Protein backbone atom coordinates (compact mmCIF):
# COMPACT_ATOMS: atom_id res chain seq x y z
CA UNK A 1 -0.08 1.80 -27.09
CA UNK A 2 0.82 3.56 -23.74
CA UNK A 3 4.02 5.64 -23.43
CA UNK A 4 5.90 2.68 -21.51
CA UNK A 5 4.93 0.23 -24.23
CA UNK A 6 2.92 -1.66 -21.83
CA UNK A 7 -0.59 -3.16 -22.74
CA UNK A 8 -3.67 -1.58 -20.93
CA UNK A 9 -4.11 -4.59 -18.79
CA UNK A 10 -0.23 -4.84 -17.86
CA UNK A 11 1.29 -3.55 -14.70
CA UNK A 12 4.68 -2.35 -14.17
CA UNK A 13 7.61 -4.49 -13.31
CA UNK A 14 7.21 -5.01 -9.79
CA UNK A 15 10.13 -6.38 -7.08
CA UNK A 16 9.72 -6.94 -3.58
CA UNK A 17 12.89 -7.06 -1.47
CA UNK A 18 12.30 -8.48 1.97
CA UNK A 19 14.34 -7.58 4.94
CA UNK A 20 15.67 -4.48 3.38
CA UNK A 21 16.03 -2.55 6.97
CA UNK A 22 18.17 -4.77 9.10
CA UNK A 23 16.92 -3.07 12.22
CA UNK A 24 13.33 -3.38 11.87
CA UNK A 25 11.12 -6.23 12.92
CA UNK A 26 9.79 -6.53 9.51
CA UNK A 27 10.72 -4.42 6.13
CA UNK A 28 10.96 -4.34 2.50
CA UNK A 29 11.93 -2.35 -0.58
CA UNK A 30 8.92 -2.46 -3.08
CA UNK A 31 9.65 -1.06 -6.65
CA UNK A 32 6.74 -0.48 -9.05
CA UNK A 33 8.50 0.78 -12.15
CA UNK A 34 10.32 3.79 -11.12
CA UNK A 35 8.08 4.27 -7.81
CA UNK A 36 10.40 2.77 -4.89
CA UNK A 37 9.10 2.61 -1.37
CA UNK A 38 10.94 1.33 1.73
CA UNK A 39 8.34 0.04 4.16
CA UNK A 40 9.34 -0.71 7.72
CA UNK A 41 7.37 -2.23 10.47
CA UNK A 42 8.38 -1.29 14.21
CA UNK A 43 6.91 -3.13 17.09
CA UNK A 44 6.32 -0.67 20.00
CA UNK A 45 4.90 -1.25 23.71
CA UNK A 46 2.59 1.53 23.68
CA UNK A 47 -1.07 1.77 22.70
CA UNK A 48 -3.27 4.87 21.79
CA UNK A 49 -4.81 6.05 25.19
CA UNK A 50 -8.19 5.22 23.92
CA UNK A 51 -7.29 1.51 23.27
CA UNK A 52 -5.94 0.93 27.03
CA UNK A 53 -7.90 -1.86 28.66
CA UNK A 54 -9.45 -3.23 25.79
CA UNK A 55 -7.30 -6.34 25.38
CA UNK A 56 -6.53 -5.29 21.83
CA UNK A 57 -3.28 -4.61 19.80
CA UNK A 58 -3.09 -1.65 17.11
CA UNK A 59 -1.61 -1.22 13.74
CA UNK A 60 -0.95 2.52 12.12
CA UNK A 61 1.16 4.10 9.46
CA UNK A 62 3.15 6.99 8.70
CA UNK A 63 4.08 8.02 5.30
CA UNK A 64 6.59 10.52 3.72
CA UNK A 65 8.10 11.28 0.21
CA UNK A 66 12.08 12.15 0.67
CA UNK A 67 12.90 15.69 -0.83
CA UNK A 68 14.30 14.35 -4.14
CA UNK A 69 11.79 11.43 -4.71
CA UNK A 70 10.11 13.73 -7.50
CA UNK A 71 11.62 15.65 -10.30
CA UNK A 72 11.66 18.51 -8.03
CA UNK A 73 12.68 19.05 -4.44
CA UNK A 74 9.75 18.53 -1.96
CA UNK A 75 10.21 20.39 1.31
CA UNK A 76 10.55 18.11 4.40
CA UNK A 77 7.40 18.20 6.51
CA UNK A 78 9.31 19.01 9.80
CA UNK A 79 6.56 20.18 11.66
CA UNK A 80 3.49 18.08 11.00
CA UNK A 81 2.50 15.62 7.75
CA UNK A 82 0.82 17.61 5.07
CA UNK A 83 -2.90 17.09 4.39
CA UNK A 84 -1.94 14.73 1.66
CA UNK A 85 0.34 12.60 3.74
CA UNK A 86 -2.01 12.59 6.59
CA UNK A 87 -4.67 11.31 4.12
CA UNK A 88 -2.43 8.53 2.68
CA UNK A 89 -1.08 7.18 6.01
CA UNK A 90 -4.60 6.95 7.37
CA UNK A 91 -5.34 4.83 4.18
CA UNK A 92 -2.38 2.55 4.54
CA UNK A 93 -3.32 2.00 8.30
CA UNK A 94 -7.09 1.22 7.54
CA UNK A 95 -6.13 -1.14 4.82
CA UNK A 96 -3.54 -3.03 6.97
CA UNK A 97 -6.13 -3.03 10.06
CA UNK A 98 -8.83 -4.61 7.72
CA UNK A 99 -6.85 -7.86 7.53
CA UNK A 100 -5.70 -8.14 11.03
CA UNK A 101 -7.28 -9.35 14.23
CA UNK A 102 -6.56 -6.77 16.78
CA UNK A 103 -7.70 -8.95 19.44
CA UNK A 104 -5.01 -11.56 19.06
CA UNK A 105 -2.31 -8.81 19.30
CA UNK A 106 -3.29 -7.78 22.82
CA UNK A 107 -1.05 -4.83 23.83
CA UNK A 108 1.05 -4.88 21.06
CA UNK A 109 1.53 -2.01 18.69
CA UNK A 110 3.08 -1.99 15.22
CA UNK A 111 3.92 1.18 13.14
CA UNK A 112 4.19 0.77 9.34
CA UNK A 113 6.70 3.66 8.13
CA UNK A 114 6.37 4.32 4.33
CA UNK A 115 9.06 6.43 3.03
CA UNK A 116 9.23 7.15 -0.87
CA UNK A 117 12.76 7.11 -2.48
CA UNK A 118 11.39 7.60 -5.84
CA UNK A 119 7.85 8.47 -6.85
CA UNK A 120 6.49 7.78 -10.33
CA UNK A 121 2.96 7.51 -9.53
CA UNK A 122 1.18 5.16 -7.24
CA UNK A 123 3.04 5.66 -4.08
CA UNK A 124 -0.01 5.13 -1.82
CA UNK A 125 -0.95 1.70 -3.42
CA UNK A 126 2.90 0.78 -3.36
CA UNK A 127 2.73 1.63 0.40
CA UNK A 128 0.02 -0.76 1.28
CA UNK A 129 1.34 -3.53 -0.92
CA UNK A 130 4.78 -3.01 0.61
CA UNK A 131 3.52 -2.28 3.91
CA UNK A 132 1.48 -5.55 4.27
CA UNK A 133 4.99 -7.36 3.42
CA UNK A 134 6.61 -5.52 6.36
CA UNK A 135 3.62 -6.24 8.58
CA UNK A 136 3.68 -9.92 7.95
CA UNK A 137 7.34 -10.19 8.54
CA UNK A 138 7.02 -8.56 11.79
CA UNK A 139 4.09 -10.53 13.02
CA UNK A 140 5.96 -13.75 11.96
CA UNK A 141 9.12 -12.59 14.21
CA UNK A 142 6.54 -12.09 17.21
CA UNK A 143 5.21 -15.51 16.73
CA UNK A 144 8.43 -17.12 16.53
CA UNK A 145 9.64 -15.31 19.51
CA UNK A 146 6.55 -16.62 21.15
CA UNK A 147 5.33 -12.97 21.76
CA UNK A 148 2.24 -14.11 19.79
CA UNK A 149 0.34 -17.47 20.00
CA UNK A 150 -1.34 -17.33 16.75
CA UNK A 151 -0.55 -15.16 13.60
CA UNK A 152 -3.29 -12.19 13.90
CA UNK A 153 -3.56 -11.95 9.82
CA UNK A 154 -6.90 -12.84 8.55
CA UNK A 155 -5.79 -12.40 5.01
CA UNK A 156 -3.72 -10.56 2.37
CA UNK A 157 -4.12 -7.04 1.02
CA UNK A 158 -2.58 -5.10 -1.74
CA UNK A 159 -3.54 -2.16 -4.02
CA UNK A 160 -3.39 -0.89 -7.38
CA UNK A 161 -4.31 2.18 -9.33
CA UNK A 162 -6.35 2.50 -12.46
CA UNK A 163 -7.40 5.31 -14.88
CA UNK A 164 -9.11 6.35 -17.89
CA UNK A 165 -6.21 7.94 -20.26
CA UNK A 166 -7.30 9.15 -23.96
CA UNK A 167 -10.56 7.40 -23.42
CA UNK A 168 -9.04 3.91 -22.63
CA UNK A 169 -9.19 1.93 -19.32
CA UNK A 170 -5.74 1.11 -18.10
CA UNK A 171 -3.92 -0.38 -15.25
CA UNK A 172 -1.19 0.57 -12.87
CA UNK A 173 -0.99 4.27 -13.86
CA UNK A 174 2.49 6.09 -13.73
CA UNK A 175 2.64 9.60 -13.21
CA UNK A 176 2.82 10.97 -16.84
CA UNK A 177 -0.59 8.94 -17.30
CA UNK A 178 -2.17 9.81 -14.00
CA UNK A 179 -1.33 13.81 -14.57
CA UNK A 180 -3.64 13.84 -17.67
CA UNK A 181 -6.00 11.17 -16.95
CA UNK A 182 -9.47 11.86 -17.20
CA UNK A 183 -10.39 9.38 -14.25
CA UNK A 184 -8.09 8.24 -11.47
CA UNK A 185 -8.87 5.22 -9.17
CA UNK A 186 -7.32 3.42 -6.38
CA UNK A 187 -8.45 0.08 -5.63
CA UNK A 188 -7.64 -1.69 -2.23
CA UNK A 189 -8.37 -5.25 -2.37
CA UNK A 190 -7.92 -8.65 -0.58
CA UNK A 191 -6.59 -11.98 -1.68
CA UNK A 192 -10.14 -13.43 -1.71
CA UNK A 193 -11.51 -10.26 -3.88
CA UNK A 194 -13.15 -8.47 -1.34
CA UNK A 195 -13.25 -4.68 -1.11
CA UNK A 196 -11.45 -2.75 1.51
CA UNK A 197 -11.57 0.63 -0.25
CA UNK A 198 -12.10 2.25 -3.68
CA UNK A 199 -10.98 5.89 -4.41
CA UNK A 200 -12.14 7.43 -7.50
CA UNK A 201 -12.34 10.77 -9.38
CA UNK A 202 -13.49 12.06 -12.69
CA UNK A 203 -10.84 14.83 -13.45
CA UNK A 204 -12.61 15.67 -16.59
CA UNK A 205 -16.28 14.20 -17.59
CA UNK A 206 -18.05 11.74 -15.28
CA UNK A 207 -17.47 8.25 -16.16
CA UNK A 208 -20.30 5.43 -16.38
CA UNK A 209 -20.74 2.01 -14.51
CA UNK A 210 -19.49 0.24 -17.57
CA UNK A 211 -16.20 2.11 -17.44
CA UNK A 212 -16.24 1.50 -13.56
CA UNK A 213 -16.68 -2.18 -14.10
CA UNK A 214 -13.87 -2.34 -16.58
CA UNK A 215 -11.67 -0.47 -14.41
CA UNK A 216 -12.32 -2.80 -11.23
CA UNK A 217 -11.90 -5.84 -13.50
CA UNK A 218 -8.25 -4.27 -14.17
CA UNK A 219 -7.72 -3.74 -10.51
CA UNK A 220 -8.68 -7.40 -9.74
CA UNK A 221 -6.10 -8.70 -12.10
CA UNK A 222 -3.43 -6.18 -11.05
CA UNK A 223 -3.91 -6.90 -7.40
CA UNK A 224 -3.96 -10.89 -7.84
CA UNK A 225 -0.28 -10.03 -9.59
CA UNK A 226 0.83 -8.15 -6.74
CA UNK A 227 -0.43 -10.80 -4.29
CA UNK A 228 1.87 -13.31 -6.09
CA UNK A 229 4.69 -10.99 -5.68
CA UNK A 230 3.95 -10.57 -1.73
CA UNK A 231 3.71 -14.37 -1.51
CA UNK A 232 7.29 -14.76 -3.40
CA UNK A 233 8.63 -12.21 -0.90
CA UNK A 234 7.07 -13.89 2.25
CA UNK A 235 8.32 -17.22 0.80
CA UNK A 236 4.96 -18.53 0.83
């Protein structure tokens, strides 16, 4: 039994609270156990210079951890994001763009801000899962306001972490498990079980194909449950 008393194939308790920020076009607070992330979607009237004249829109993301989101204070990134933050925000942006028809968003740019209030492992996967809800709400608002003729979303996306801890494959690792895991993997999947991105590292000994398949099966189960939570938050 895991220290959290969860089964190996059990995700943490998940809650997604939509419209958490009254000012953003789309927002939510996502709670995955003790990992809490505020995701806001802001519609902007500017595009990257390289996109001008291409009749497309854009979706990007930014990520940050508040100073006391962890057990010890994290200095604010006042000059530029750290390498870790840049890597995560690029991951979030790639994941969300994979399920958006950018050509249906002509000259519209949306920035997803993911701000970690509490961190207990899985902040990047929670940011993707919550970021999708914020994005979907913003796009629906644009459609309601007749600023979009059709909804650009082509599907749904969520993400979850898996790991090998004490020789066992487990789903949705928290910080205590992640800090000692032999293998750490993040899966970004769509609602029809297609792969957007898989990140995986063996921290100790290498893992084999059978173990990978076990982790992948756990991830598919976890993502399916997260997508049901997203649907509930979006009123689907």
